[in-house]
Amino acid sequence: MSATNGQDTVWNVDSLRYYDTATGAFDAIGIPVGACCQLDGTCVDGVTPSQCDFQWQGGGTNCGSASCAAPIGACCDLPGGCTETTITACTSPSNWQGAGTSCTPNNCVPEGACCLNDGTCTDGPEANCLGVYQGNGTQCATLNPPCPAAPSGACCHSDGNCTEEPVTTCAGEWQGAGTTCAGASCPVSPLGACCHLNGTCSVVAQADCDGAWQGSGSTCGAQTCAGLPTPAWLATFDTGTDQVEDVRDDNPSKVMIGPNTGGRLNITTMSRNTTEADKAGRPVPGPVLASSSVSGLYEWKYTDYDVAAENVGVEEFAGFISGYSTHCTRQFLGARFYHYRQGADYRLQIGAAWGSVGYTYTGHKTVNVSLGPKLPVGRNFLLAVGYDGPSMNLWVALYSQATRELIAIVGGDIRTFPNLGVPPNHPALQNELNELSMTHLGWTDFIADGSTDGLVHVWSVDNLALYATPSGAFRAMGVNSPFLGACCRPDLTCLDALTSEQCTENWQGTWQGLNSTCAQSTCLPACNNPRFDADEDGDVDMVDFAAFQACLTGSGGSNGPLDTVHCHCFDADHDDDIDVSDFDAFALCGSGAGVLADTACDGPP
């Protein structure tokens, strides 16, 4: 705004005047108040526009002259039925979908109770159930019979004591569902020195060691914990300890029983061009790399032999990749995920082998990484495994859903890169991984390109392997992992636990991000273009200025959150208040009645 002398005149934001569109005049300084019609049809006097949760009746109005009626909207019941009624008539557990919503078409998603393996129960859509869905319309609170409790069994502790409890709480070796302490033989675990991550040493059983156990009978001396890798829980196995030996496609590979195996022998074989019958009941291996000339798939077959119990156990797998380069050197890469217990310590093993044509292998290496106590609690997704060909430096990349961190396990180190800002199934994460590999981690050939330097597999973003703490197991390959969050619908109502696709495609909504909830989200309408055109008439004039003043924060302002229909759109500098900086941006958009506003003027000057 300019005076005739060419000098700019800007009002102090604490003394801006209110323009009343009804009288066509500027009223007294301050924020107008009036009657507010609420969603339940009741009326409240003396509130500002930003304090009204439905329909503000205008400055100076009162409930005596206001005519308020409860709006009609769709009401979704648990079985998925829909009725059009008021918010007060739509009682729990039904969910009102918002003013003006309709049952034509019926967009209600059926919900029911879901019994989880640990005996707990959650309510929600069948698509979100990670256990046994009990049917549409069921509820955990009224489920009859209720969800079965987690099965109990004997739990052998390292000191030889035994308790009967579910596997989810067992801090020792669980003997199986239905077993009892009377029938269990719980040996006393041998003691040895434990080098803790903080550099101290104590003599404990291997299962109770949270660092590097030095073996049965070892004691804490001055040099016991000297020269340990950093961090201490990462171990590279050399020949004669826990090294994979003789990795070939026609003979079993061998894993030595060393001090770090916890008394379990893992026997793995690899075969080429396996038939579908051979794969029955096993995870399908990852695809052969695009740069590979292998004509068929390689599949790792497995057993898990418990030396102490002399029986075959079950391993948890996320999937495998193997192949060889188009050059003379053949390279094989595998990832194995298994869960022999050391307390609550679960392990990840990745391995590779390489050598000349003819399957005569001259080198091999594995890395065994303790995952359970180190990863953030929640869901952690396997993104990639690979190795640096020249140095055989094995690495693995995971993504924590809880912290949104990329977790990189490289050689003898574990590193985290926080706040990536994208969910694990977002294509942008692949670019982030590639950039990190080159600038921070020193990974070579992160995306395999046919060279002999390295081999890598990046899992499909739609088929990520899931390692869930504290259950300590990877979910099988071939299962799409849900990425859920809150969804703001066009009518500004909110739905919980939807994927981004469900939100945008089924509800035409705006997804609020991974792990978001409606309790944490404020659903705001989209801003006009320009953002200051509050009345959507194509210009920015005194009517819009009146709405702007009603949203002022600070002295003379509303002091409220910017969660009303217009207020968040006036926050040009995105600092969560409406002040002089936002007014400067507003002034640049001023166009007057009948003059179209410049749509490029709605940012801070």
Foldseek 3Di string as FASTA:
>chain_A
DADPVGDDDDDALLFDWFQAPVVRDTDHFFFFWAKEQAQQFDIDGGHGQVVHPDDGPGGPYYPVPDGTDHAWFWKAAQLQDIDIDGPVVRDPPIDTPFGPYDVVPRLGAHKEWAQALQRDIDIDHPVPHPHHGPHGRYDQVPDVPHGDHHAWFWAADQQRDIDIGHPVPRQHDGPDGPYDPVPDGHDRAAWFWAQAQVRDIDIDGQLPHPFDTPAGPYDDDPCSPPPAFVRRQKDWDDPPAQFWPLQFQPDKIFGDHHRPPLQKTKIKHKHWQDDVVVCVPHFDADDAAPQAPDPTAMDIDIWIARRVVRDTDDFFAAHFYFGQFPDFKGKTKTKGWGQDHSRLWGKIKIKMWMDGPPRPTDDIIMIIGTDQVPADAFKKWWFKWKAFQVVRWTKTWIADLVFRWIWIDTRRDIDIDGDPPADQLDPVVVVVVVVCCVPPVVHPPQPPDRDRGMDMDGDHSQFIWIQHPPVGHIDYTPDGDAFWEKWQAQSRDIDGGDGCCCRCPSRVTHGPGGPYGPVRDQREHDADQQNLPLVPPQARESVSVSVLSQQADDNSYDVDFQRGHRNVSLPQAPPGGRGPQSVQLSVQQHADPPGGTDSVSRHGD
